[in-house]
Amino acid sequence: MMSSKVYKAVLGLLFLAAFSPATAYADDEIRIDFPAGGQLKVRNDFGDVMVEVWSNNHVAVSTIIGGDGSKRLTRSPIIIDNRGSLVTISVVRRPVDPVVPIHLKIKVPADADITAVQGSSKPLKTRIGNGGRKIDIQTQIGEIRLANASPATETAAGPNSKQPELVGTNNSKTSAGTPAEAANNDEINEGDVIRVDSQLVTLNISVIDRGTNRGLMGLSQSEFRLFEDGQEQRIVQFESSSAPFDLMLLIDLSGSTREVVKLIRAAALRFVEAARPADRIGIITFAGEPTLVSSFTADRELLRQRIETIDTNRGDTKLYDATNFAMEEVLKESKRLRRSAIVLMSDGLDGTIPGVSGQQGSRQTYPETLRNIQEFDGVLYTLWLNTEYEAMSPLDTQPEAFDAGHDRMKEMADAGGGVFYEVERLADLAGAYEQVVADLGTMYSLAYRPTNSMRDGRWRAIRIGVNRANAVPRGKRGYYAN
């Protein structure tokens, strides 16, 4: 039986988790309510995830610390964010913690649709019982294992359910985790693989109060209505504003002096400090060519170290090439079950703009880049930095070029469903980054399968309605049906 001391500690943890992201400080197994029809997101970038299916209706979670037994964590690495129907469990490793594997053990109810993503592999899926609850599990470096906790669980899962199994990419045998053939339209039984429908359209929407110009949080799926070309669509997936992001900082270093780079580093550090613990951050800098400073990571100390390596870059400004490189990097690195955003800082002066002084610009054209942004499955924020100076000769960058850079940066943000920020002084950049993080914290994600299934390459206009007074939704206005 649980002692009164441990019981109070666990009860306190659950109380904190119900209202805000909370860190679990006990090594004991923590139990969390998981309502029928709810959604559970589990992420561990530091080790394996071992999943047991049991007959109870709640979730139980604990950690197993690997490595040398003398290396102990001073407090639990589990972070729980309980928002009622959505529960998020993530693992963090602080800078002072020893670098040892952190394995996550979790027990989940039997009636579940479970999706697993290991490293860069495609999602693996299985269904237990009637699939009443959605569970998404991700690990960056570890493996995901799924098993019944006891024989009694098999009965609870139903007589026709198969032994659950999720396998990694290194396993050569065909199993329940092998994606189905695209041409397979047969009915899927319990335990079989569920193929991801490529026609699922995902939107990231922020909702602003017209009176205060602040983001509205706490909205439910029932308060949204979604229309494509005037026809109302059924929302099949919904993520609240608390769901984590993969955030890619894209930083223009062209023409920067060492003193300017110091300010840019300081602003990037402020961005890292402002982001939520569950958000992963990546960094790309560019001038003539893009440089991946850091791939996506939740390790804040590692990010600080990588930011300190940022230095001046040589070469003409190739903004559009760098933007396309960032989108490709996000699609390659970001997990399909995580939301993603690119935060671009630049003066917008790609060398292809007429009137830009003596530069060779991007290989990718601006119209091509804008089209790719519209099709990008994420959000693009742009921070336009004012670098305009008085042109003293025809060889200097002309005023109309600065105007074009400004206008194109704004158009890119509009196409990417994000927000355009004007930064008049470099000293204001850190504050603008913090505003972007705050805005991303008010963003909702909706997904639907269009009633018009034609893939004719035409533009599909999207309109969002929110059943809340003074609510103004903001996001992408449509997509090309390719």
Protein backbone atom coordinates (compact mmCIF):
# COMPACT_ATOMS: atom_id res chain seq x y z
CA MET A 1 0.00 0.00 0.00
CA MET A 2 1.26 3.51 -0.80
CA SER A 3 2.48 5.40 2.26
CA SER A 4 0.69 8.61 3.22
CA LYS A 5 3.85 10.61 2.52
CA VAL A 6 4.20 9.24 -1.03
CA TYR A 7 0.45 9.54 -1.63
CA LYS A 8 0.49 13.24 -0.75
CA ALA A 9 3.53 13.82 -2.94
CA VAL A 10 1.91 12.17 -5.96
CA LEU A 11 -1.40 13.91 -5.31
CA GLY A 12 0.42 17.23 -5.25
CA LEU A 13 2.10 16.46 -8.55
CA LEU A 14 -1.21 15.68 -10.22
CA PHE A 15 -2.69 18.89 -8.80
CA LEU A 16 0.12 20.93 -10.40
CA ALA A 17 -0.15 19.07 -13.69
CA ALA A 18 -3.84 19.87 -13.99
CA PHE A 19 -3.15 23.61 -14.31
CA SER A 20 0.28 24.08 -15.87
CA PRO A 21 3.34 22.18 -17.08
CA ALA A 22 4.68 20.53 -13.95
CA THR A 23 7.84 18.63 -13.19
CA ALA A 24 7.51 15.33 -11.35
CA TYR A 25 10.01 15.15 -8.48
CA ALA A 26 9.44 11.57 -7.26
CA ASP A 27 10.96 8.38 -8.65
CA ASP A 28 7.75 6.48 -7.89
CA GLU A 29 5.23 5.59 -10.57
CA ILE A 30 2.93 8.53 -11.28
CA ARG A 31 -0.69 7.90 -12.23
CA ILE A 32 -2.67 10.27 -14.45
CA ASP A 33 -6.37 10.31 -15.34
CA PHE A 34 -6.91 9.62 -19.05
CA PRO A 35 -10.57 10.11 -20.09
CA ALA A 36 -12.27 8.05 -22.77
CA GLY A 37 -11.92 9.80 -26.12
CA GLY A 38 -8.84 11.64 -24.85
CA GLN A 39 -5.43 12.07 -26.45
CA LEU A 40 -2.02 11.26 -24.97
CA LYS A 41 1.30 12.50 -26.39
CA VAL A 42 4.53 10.93 -25.13
CA ARG A 43 8.03 12.09 -26.07
CA ASN A 44 11.45 10.88 -24.93
CA ASP A 45 14.55 12.08 -26.81
CA PHE A 46 16.99 10.48 -24.36
CA GLY A 47 16.20 6.76 -24.40
CA ASP A 48 13.62 4.02 -24.97
CA VAL A 49 9.88 4.11 -24.39
CA MET A 50 8.46 0.87 -22.97
CA VAL A 51 4.68 0.70 -23.23
CA GLU A 52 2.50 -1.79 -21.35
CA VAL A 53 -1.19 -2.16 -22.08
CA TRP A 54 -3.35 -2.86 -19.04
CA SER A 55 -7.02 -2.99 -18.09
CA ASN A 56 -7.05 0.18 -15.96
CA ASN A 57 -8.45 3.43 -17.31
CA HIS A 58 -5.62 5.67 -16.13
CA VAL A 59 -2.01 6.10 -17.28
CA ALA A 60 1.00 5.24 -15.12
CA VAL A 61 4.48 6.57 -15.90
CA SER A 62 7.96 6.11 -14.43
CA THR A 63 11.60 6.38 -15.53
CA ILE A 64 14.56 4.01 -15.57
CA ILE A 65 17.91 5.78 -15.47
CA GLY A 66 20.63 3.96 -17.41
CA GLY A 67 24.41 4.13 -17.25
CA ASP A 68 26.52 4.02 -14.12
CA GLY A 69 24.32 3.42 -11.10
CA SER A 70 26.24 6.07 -9.16
CA LYS A 71 25.07 8.75 -11.58
CA ARG A 72 21.73 9.85 -10.23
CA LEU A 73 19.44 12.66 -11.31
CA THR A 74 18.69 15.13 -8.56
CA ARG A 75 15.04 15.25 -9.61
CA SER A 76 12.70 13.45 -11.95
CA PRO A 77 13.05 14.30 -15.68
CA ILE A 78 9.31 13.77 -16.34
CA ILE A 79 7.21 16.80 -17.31
CA ILE A 80 3.42 16.36 -17.36
CA ASP A 81 1.00 18.79 -18.95
CA ASN A 82 -2.59 17.73 -18.21
CA ARG A 83 -5.24 19.76 -20.04
CA GLY A 84 -8.16 17.40 -19.53
CA SER A 85 -8.68 15.59 -22.83
CA LEU A 86 -5.05 16.19 -23.88
CA VAL A 87 -2.21 14.86 -21.71
CA THR A 88 1.42 15.47 -22.69
CA ILE A 89 4.29 13.54 -21.09
CA SER A 90 7.85 14.54 -22.00
CA VAL A 91 11.36 13.87 -20.72
CA VAL A 92 13.92 16.64 -20.22
CA ARG A 93 17.57 16.57 -19.23
CA ARG A 94 18.91 19.64 -17.46
CA PRO A 95 22.46 20.96 -18.04
CA VAL A 96 23.53 19.73 -14.57
CA ASP A 97 22.26 16.18 -15.15
CA PRO A 98 24.71 13.39 -16.05
CA VAL A 99 24.64 12.32 -19.70
CA VAL A 100 23.05 8.90 -19.24
CA PRO A 101 20.12 7.21 -21.01
CA ILE A 102 16.71 8.03 -19.59
CA HIS A 103 14.16 5.31 -20.39
CA LEU A 104 10.45 5.92 -20.00
CA LYS A 105 8.03 3.22 -18.85
CA ILE A 106 4.36 3.88 -19.37
CA LYS A 107 1.19 1.86 -18.82
CA VAL A 108 -1.82 2.77 -20.95
CA PRO A 109 -5.48 1.66 -21.16
CA ALA A 110 -6.36 -1.18 -23.50
CA ASP A 111 -8.74 0.75 -25.79
CA ALA A 112 -6.17 2.75 -27.75
CA ASP A 113 -4.97 3.72 -31.21
CA ILE A 114 -1.20 3.91 -30.77
CA THR A 115 1.13 5.70 -33.20
CA ALA A 116 4.91 5.46 -32.74
CA VAL A 117 7.75 7.39 -34.38
CA GLN A 118 11.35 6.28 -33.86
CA GLY A 119 14.11 8.62 -35.07
CA SER A 120 13.49 9.62 -38.69
CA SER A 121 11.43 6.54 -39.55
CA LYS A 122 7.87 6.63 -40.76
CA PRO A 123 5.09 6.38 -38.15
CA LEU A 124 4.22 2.86 -37.03
CA LYS A 125 0.65 2.20 -35.96
CA THR A 126 -1.36 -0.41 -34.14
CA ARG A 127 -4.78 -0.64 -32.57
CA ILE A 128 -5.70 -2.26 -29.27
CA GLY A 129 -9.35 -2.95 -28.45
CA ASN A 130 -11.88 -0.51 -29.92
CA GLY A 131 -9.39 2.34 -30.32
CA GLY A 132 -11.28 4.85 -28.16
CA ARG A 133 -8.20 6.84 -27.11
CA LYS A 134 -5.39 8.33 -29.22
CA ILE A 135 -1.80 7.80 -28.08
CA ASP A 136 1.20 9.29 -29.93
CA ILE A 137 4.67 8.12 -28.86
CA GLN A 138 7.98 9.56 -30.12
CA THR A 139 11.65 8.95 -29.40
CA GLN A 140 14.67 10.48 -31.10
CA ILE A 141 17.42 7.97 -30.28
CA GLY A 142 15.71 5.07 -28.53
CA GLU A 143 13.30 2.26 -29.37
CA ILE A 144 9.61 1.86 -28.68
CA ARG A 145 8.36 -1.47 -27.31
CA LEU A 146 4.74 -2.42 -26.74
CA ALA A 147 3.42 -5.40 -24.77
CA ASN A 148 0.49 -6.52 -22.65
CA ALA A 149 1.03 -5.91 -18.94
CA SER A 150 -0.79 -9.10 -17.96
CA PRO A 151 -2.98 -11.85 -19.45
CA ALA A 152 -6.01 -10.08 -18.02
CA THR A 153 -5.40 -7.19 -20.39
CA GLU A 154 -5.96 -9.40 -23.43
CA THR A 155 -9.50 -10.05 -22.28
CA ALA A 156 -10.07 -6.36 -21.71
CA ALA A 157 -8.81 -5.60 -25.20
CA GLY A 158 -11.36 -7.86 -26.80
CA PRO A 159 -11.32 -11.45 -28.06
CA ASN A 160 -10.37 -10.50 -31.63
CA SER A 161 -7.45 -8.23 -30.81
CA LYS A 162 -3.93 -9.39 -31.67
CA GLN A 163 -0.87 -9.32 -29.49
CA PRO A 164 0.30 -5.68 -29.78
CA GLU A 165 3.62 -5.12 -31.50
CA LEU A 166 5.60 -2.09 -32.58
CA VAL A 167 8.99 -2.65 -34.21
CA GLY A 168 11.86 -0.35 -35.16
CA THR A 169 13.43 0.32 -38.54
CA ASN A 170 16.26 -2.16 -37.91
CA ASN A 171 13.90 -5.10 -37.66
CA SER A 172 13.83 -6.92 -40.98
CA LYS A 173 10.72 -9.01 -40.48
CA THR A 174 7.28 -7.92 -41.60
CA SER A 175 5.11 -7.00 -38.64
CA ALA A 176 2.25 -4.91 -37.36
CA GLY A 177 4.48 -1.87 -37.72
CA THR A 178 5.08 -2.21 -41.46
CA PRO A 179 3.24 0.49 -43.48
CA ALA A 180 0.48 -0.83 -45.76
CA GLU A 181 0.77 -0.61 -49.52
CA ALA A 182 -0.74 2.57 -50.94
CA ALA A 183 -3.06 0.59 -53.20
CA ASN A 184 -4.53 -1.48 -50.37
CA ASN A 185 -8.13 -0.33 -49.86
CA ASP A 186 -9.31 -3.41 -47.95
CA GLU A 187 -11.06 -2.99 -44.63
CA ILE A 188 -8.56 -2.77 -41.76
CA ASN A 189 -9.18 -5.07 -38.82
CA GLU A 190 -8.06 -4.58 -35.25
CA GLY A 191 -4.32 -5.09 -34.91
CA ASP A 192 -3.64 -4.35 -38.59
CA VAL A 193 -1.72 -1.33 -39.80
CA ILE A 194 -3.59 1.92 -40.38
CA ARG A 195 -2.21 3.82 -43.36
CA VAL A 196 -1.84 7.57 -43.01
CA ASP A 197 -4.18 9.34 -45.42
CA SER A 198 -2.08 11.65 -47.58
CA GLN A 199 -5.13 13.84 -48.21
CA LEU A 200 -5.29 15.01 -44.60
CA VAL A 201 -4.98 18.82 -44.55
CA THR A 202 -3.46 20.32 -41.40
CA LEU A 203 -3.80 23.99 -40.44
CA ASN A 204 -2.13 25.99 -37.69
CA ILE A 205 -4.45 28.75 -36.49
CA SER A 206 -3.92 31.48 -33.92
CA VAL A 207 -7.00 33.23 -32.56
CA ILE A 208 -6.77 36.90 -31.53
CA ASP A 209 -9.18 38.93 -29.42
CA ARG A 210 -10.13 41.95 -31.55
CA GLY A 211 -10.46 44.17 -28.50
CA THR A 212 -7.16 43.38 -26.76
CA ASN A 213 -5.12 42.07 -29.75
CA ARG A 214 -4.03 39.17 -27.53
CA GLY A 215 -4.20 35.48 -28.28
CA LEU A 216 -7.18 33.50 -27.01
CA MET A 217 -6.34 30.28 -25.18
CA GLY A 218 -8.53 27.47 -23.90
CA LEU A 219 -10.73 27.14 -26.99
CA SER A 220 -12.24 23.72 -27.71
CA GLN A 221 -12.72 21.93 -31.03
CA SER A 222 -16.48 22.54 -30.93
CA GLU A 223 -15.88 26.32 -31.12
CA PHE A 224 -14.23 26.07 -34.56
CA ARG A 225 -15.92 25.78 -37.97
CA LEU A 226 -13.86 25.13 -41.09
CA PHE A 227 -14.80 25.75 -44.72
CA GLU A 228 -13.04 24.84 -47.98
CA ASP A 229 -14.27 26.69 -51.07
CA GLY A 230 -17.41 27.55 -49.09
CA GLN A 231 -18.20 23.94 -48.11
CA GLU A 232 -18.04 23.11 -44.40
CA GLN A 233 -15.55 20.36 -43.52
CA ARG A 234 -15.49 17.96 -40.58
CA ILE A 235 -12.53 18.52 -38.26
CA VAL A 236 -10.99 15.09 -37.57
CA GLN A 237 -7.97 16.14 -35.49
CA PHE A 238 -7.51 18.97 -33.01
CA GLU A 239 -4.54 20.11 -30.94
CA SER A 240 -4.84 22.80 -28.30
CA SER A 241 -2.51 25.76 -27.97
CA SER A 242 -0.46 23.87 -25.34
CA ALA A 243 0.87 21.30 -27.86
CA PRO A 244 4.67 21.63 -28.41
CA PHE A 245 6.43 22.95 -31.53
CA ASP A 246 9.60 22.27 -33.47
CA LEU A 247 10.96 25.81 -33.95
CA MET A 248 13.63 26.61 -36.55
CA LEU A 249 15.44 29.95 -36.22
CA LEU A 250 16.59 31.17 -39.65
CA ILE A 251 19.05 34.05 -39.19
CA ASP A 252 20.43 36.36 -41.91
CA LEU A 253 24.10 37.14 -41.22
CA SER A 254 24.94 38.78 -44.55
CA GLY A 255 26.98 41.95 -44.07
CA SER A 256 27.04 41.52 -40.29
CA THR A 257 30.01 42.79 -38.30
CA ARG A 258 31.27 41.03 -35.19
CA GLU A 259 29.50 43.60 -32.99
CA VAL A 260 26.24 42.96 -34.83
CA VAL A 261 26.69 39.19 -34.45
CA LYS A 262 27.02 39.63 -30.68
CA LEU A 263 23.56 41.24 -30.60
CA ILE A 264 22.16 38.50 -32.84
CA ARG A 265 23.56 35.82 -30.50
CA ALA A 266 22.04 37.55 -27.47
CA ALA A 267 18.64 37.72 -29.19
CA ALA A 268 18.81 34.02 -30.12
CA LEU A 269 19.58 33.15 -26.49
CA ARG A 270 16.49 35.13 -25.42
CA PHE A 271 14.42 33.11 -27.88
CA VAL A 272 15.70 29.84 -26.39
CA GLU A 273 14.94 31.06 -22.86
CA ALA A 274 11.41 32.16 -23.83
CA ALA A 275 10.43 28.88 -25.57
CA ARG A 276 8.45 26.30 -23.62
CA PRO A 277 10.35 23.31 -22.16
CA ALA A 278 8.68 20.81 -24.50
CA ASP A 279 9.51 22.84 -27.64
CA ARG A 280 12.50 21.68 -29.69
CA ILE A 281 14.65 24.36 -31.35
CA GLY A 282 16.94 24.30 -34.38
CA ILE A 283 19.13 27.10 -35.80
CA ILE A 284 20.21 27.92 -39.37
CA THR A 285 22.31 30.94 -40.37
CA PHE A 286 22.90 32.14 -43.91
CA ALA A 287 24.52 34.65 -46.19
CA GLY A 288 25.84 33.14 -49.41
CA GLU A 289 25.05 29.61 -48.21
CA PRO A 290 22.90 28.26 -45.34
CA THR A 291 24.63 26.65 -42.36
CA LEU A 292 22.88 24.26 -39.95
CA VAL A 293 24.14 25.50 -36.57
CA SER A 294 21.95 23.09 -34.59
CA SER A 295 19.43 20.46 -35.54
CA PHE A 296 16.23 20.22 -33.47
CA THR A 297 16.91 19.59 -29.80
CA ALA A 298 15.29 20.23 -26.42
CA ASP A 299 18.73 20.44 -24.77
CA ARG A 300 18.93 24.13 -23.81
CA GLU A 301 22.57 23.99 -22.74
CA LEU A 302 23.57 22.46 -26.08
CA LEU A 303 21.66 25.22 -27.88
CA ARG A 304 23.48 27.89 -25.87
CA GLN A 305 26.80 26.33 -26.81
CA ARG A 306 25.86 26.21 -30.50
CA ILE A 307 24.64 29.81 -30.48
CA GLU A 308 28.01 30.94 -29.12
CA THR A 309 29.63 29.49 -32.27
CA ILE A 310 27.64 31.80 -34.58
CA ASP A 311 30.02 34.12 -36.44
CA THR A 312 30.02 36.35 -39.49
CA ASN A 313 29.17 34.70 -42.80
CA ARG A 314 30.57 35.71 -46.17
CA GLY A 315 28.72 35.89 -49.45
CA ASP A 316 25.81 37.66 -51.07
CA THR A 317 22.36 37.38 -49.53
CA LYS A 318 20.53 34.32 -50.83
CA LEU A 319 17.37 34.61 -48.77
CA TYR A 320 15.13 32.45 -50.94
CA ASP A 321 17.63 29.58 -51.17
CA ALA A 322 18.02 29.68 -47.37
CA THR A 323 14.25 29.68 -46.82
CA ASN A 324 13.81 26.64 -49.04
CA PHE A 325 16.72 24.93 -47.28
CA ALA A 326 15.05 25.59 -43.90
CA MET A 327 11.73 24.14 -45.07
CA GLU A 328 13.47 21.02 -46.35
CA GLU A 329 15.39 20.68 -43.08
CA VAL A 330 12.21 21.00 -41.02
CA LEU A 331 10.42 18.37 -43.11
CA LYS A 332 13.43 16.07 -42.79
CA GLU A 333 13.98 16.49 -39.05
CA SER A 334 10.60 17.35 -37.58
CA LYS A 335 8.45 14.45 -36.45
CA ARG A 336 5.14 14.09 -38.25
CA LEU A 337 3.24 14.28 -34.99
CA ARG A 338 4.81 17.58 -33.90
CA ARG A 339 3.86 21.02 -35.10
CA SER A 340 6.60 23.03 -36.78
CA ALA A 341 7.43 26.69 -37.38
CA ILE A 342 10.21 28.68 -39.03
CA VAL A 343 11.14 32.08 -37.57
CA LEU A 344 13.02 34.09 -40.22
CA MET A 345 15.05 37.22 -39.40
CA SER A 346 16.30 39.25 -42.39
CA ASP A 347 16.15 42.62 -44.14
CA GLY A 348 14.66 40.80 -47.13
CA LEU A 349 17.35 41.97 -49.57
CA ASP A 350 17.89 38.88 -51.70
CA GLY A 351 20.41 39.60 -54.45
CA THR A 352 17.76 38.94 -57.12
CA ILE A 353 15.81 42.08 -56.16
CA PRO A 354 16.42 44.92 -58.69
CA GLY A 355 18.41 47.73 -57.13
CA VAL A 356 20.32 45.59 -54.60
CA SER A 357 23.96 46.59 -54.70
CA GLY A 358 26.26 44.21 -56.60
CA GLN A 359 24.99 40.85 -55.37
CA GLN A 360 24.32 37.48 -56.93
CA GLY A 361 21.00 36.28 -55.59
CA SER A 362 19.27 32.98 -54.97
CA ARG A 363 18.97 30.20 -57.50
CA GLN A 364 15.33 29.75 -56.40
CA THR A 365 13.08 32.57 -57.60
CA TYR A 366 10.79 34.50 -55.31
CA PRO A 367 7.55 33.13 -56.91
CA GLU A 368 8.88 29.56 -56.52
CA THR A 369 9.74 30.24 -52.88
CA LEU A 370 6.34 31.78 -52.18
CA ARG A 371 4.61 28.74 -53.69
CA ASN A 372 6.72 26.41 -51.52
CA ILE A 373 5.84 28.43 -48.43
CA GLN A 374 2.15 28.07 -49.22
CA GLU A 375 2.59 24.29 -49.44
CA PHE A 376 4.82 24.08 -46.35
CA ASP A 377 3.19 21.97 -43.61
CA GLY A 378 4.11 24.44 -40.89
CA VAL A 379 4.08 28.12 -39.98
CA LEU A 380 6.45 30.84 -41.17
CA TYR A 381 7.04 33.98 -39.10
CA THR A 382 9.16 36.80 -40.54
CA LEU A 383 11.03 39.51 -38.64
CA TRP A 384 12.04 42.31 -41.01
CA LEU A 385 15.14 44.13 -39.81
CA ASN A 386 15.43 47.71 -41.07
CA THR A 387 18.94 48.16 -42.53
CA GLU A 388 18.08 51.01 -44.92
CA TYR A 389 20.66 53.71 -45.52
CA GLU A 390 20.76 56.73 -47.83
CA ALA A 391 21.91 55.82 -51.33
CA MET A 392 24.75 58.17 -52.30
CA SER A 393 25.36 56.68 -55.78
CA PRO A 394 23.72 54.34 -58.30
CA LEU A 395 26.02 51.56 -57.02
CA ASP A 396 24.39 51.67 -53.57
CA THR A 397 21.28 49.64 -52.74
CA GLN A 398 18.34 51.79 -53.82
CA PRO A 399 15.30 52.78 -51.69
CA GLU A 400 12.92 50.77 -53.86
CA ALA A 401 14.97 47.64 -53.15
CA PHE A 402 14.57 48.14 -49.39
CA ASP A 403 10.82 48.61 -49.94
CA ALA A 404 10.64 45.41 -51.99
CA GLY A 405 12.51 43.47 -49.29
CA HIS A 406 10.06 44.72 -46.67
CA ASP A 407 6.98 43.91 -48.75
CA ARG A 408 8.22 40.44 -49.73
CA MET A 409 8.98 39.52 -46.11
CA LYS A 410 5.42 40.50 -45.21
CA GLU A 411 4.01 38.49 -48.11
CA MET A 412 6.06 35.45 -47.06
CA ALA A 413 4.59 35.58 -43.54
CA ASP A 414 1.06 35.91 -44.95
CA ALA A 415 1.64 32.89 -47.23
CA GLY A 416 3.08 30.91 -44.31
CA GLY A 417 0.17 31.57 -41.96
CA GLY A 418 2.41 33.42 -39.52
CA VAL A 419 2.93 37.01 -38.44
CA PHE A 420 5.12 39.77 -39.88
CA TYR A 421 7.12 41.85 -37.40
CA GLU A 422 8.94 45.09 -38.17
CA VAL A 423 12.20 45.45 -36.19
CA GLU A 424 13.49 48.99 -36.60
CA ARG A 425 16.62 48.48 -34.48
CA LEU A 426 18.70 45.38 -33.90
CA ALA A 427 18.44 46.05 -30.16
CA ASP A 428 14.69 45.32 -30.45
CA LEU A 429 15.23 41.87 -32.00
CA ALA A 430 15.19 39.97 -28.69
CA GLY A 431 11.82 41.47 -27.75
CA ALA A 432 10.40 40.55 -31.16
CA TYR A 433 11.57 36.95 -30.69
CA GLU A 434 9.78 36.82 -27.34
CA GLN A 435 6.58 38.09 -29.00
CA VAL A 436 6.83 35.30 -31.58
CA VAL A 437 7.13 32.67 -28.84
CA ALA A 438 4.13 34.15 -27.04
CA ASP A 439 2.11 34.12 -30.27
CA LEU A 440 3.01 30.49 -31.02
CA GLY A 441 1.72 29.63 -27.54
CA THR A 442 -1.78 30.66 -28.66
CA MET A 443 -1.84 28.55 -31.84
CA TYR A 444 -4.27 25.68 -32.46
CA SER A 445 -3.90 22.89 -35.02
CA LEU A 446 -6.86 21.57 -37.01
CA ALA A 447 -6.93 18.76 -39.56
CA TYR A 448 -9.60 17.61 -42.00
CA ARG A 449 -10.08 15.40 -45.05
CA PRO A 450 -11.49 17.55 -47.88
CA THR A 451 -14.85 16.52 -49.29
CA ASN A 452 -13.38 17.51 -52.66
CA SER A 453 -10.80 14.75 -53.13
CA MET A 454 -9.70 15.90 -56.61
CA ARG A 455 -5.94 16.44 -56.89
CA ASP A 456 -6.04 18.89 -59.80
CA GLY A 457 -3.39 21.35 -58.59
CA ARG A 458 -5.95 24.12 -58.11
CA TRP A 459 -6.12 26.56 -55.23
CA ARG A 460 -8.48 25.63 -52.39
CA ALA A 461 -9.61 28.62 -50.31
CA ILE A 462 -9.96 28.01 -46.57
CA ARG A 463 -12.05 29.99 -44.11
CA ILE A 464 -12.14 29.48 -40.34
CA GLY A 465 -14.99 30.55 -38.05
CA VAL A 466 -14.69 30.75 -34.27
CA ASN A 467 -17.77 30.76 -32.03
CA ARG A 468 -16.41 33.33 -29.58
CA ALA A 469 -17.15 37.05 -29.37
CA ASN A 470 -14.43 39.30 -30.88
CA ALA A 471 -12.38 36.24 -31.96
CA VAL A 472 -10.32 36.71 -35.13
CA PRO A 473 -8.65 33.54 -36.54
CA ARG A 474 -5.33 33.95 -38.30
CA GLY A 475 -3.54 31.39 -40.48
CA LYS A 476 -3.08 30.12 -44.02
CA ARG A 477 -5.85 31.06 -46.42
CA GLY A 478 -5.64 27.94 -48.54
CA TYR A 479 -3.47 25.39 -50.35
CA TYR A 480 -2.83 23.89 -53.77
CA ALA A 481 -4.47 20.47 -54.21
CA ASN A 482 -1.44 18.63 -55.57
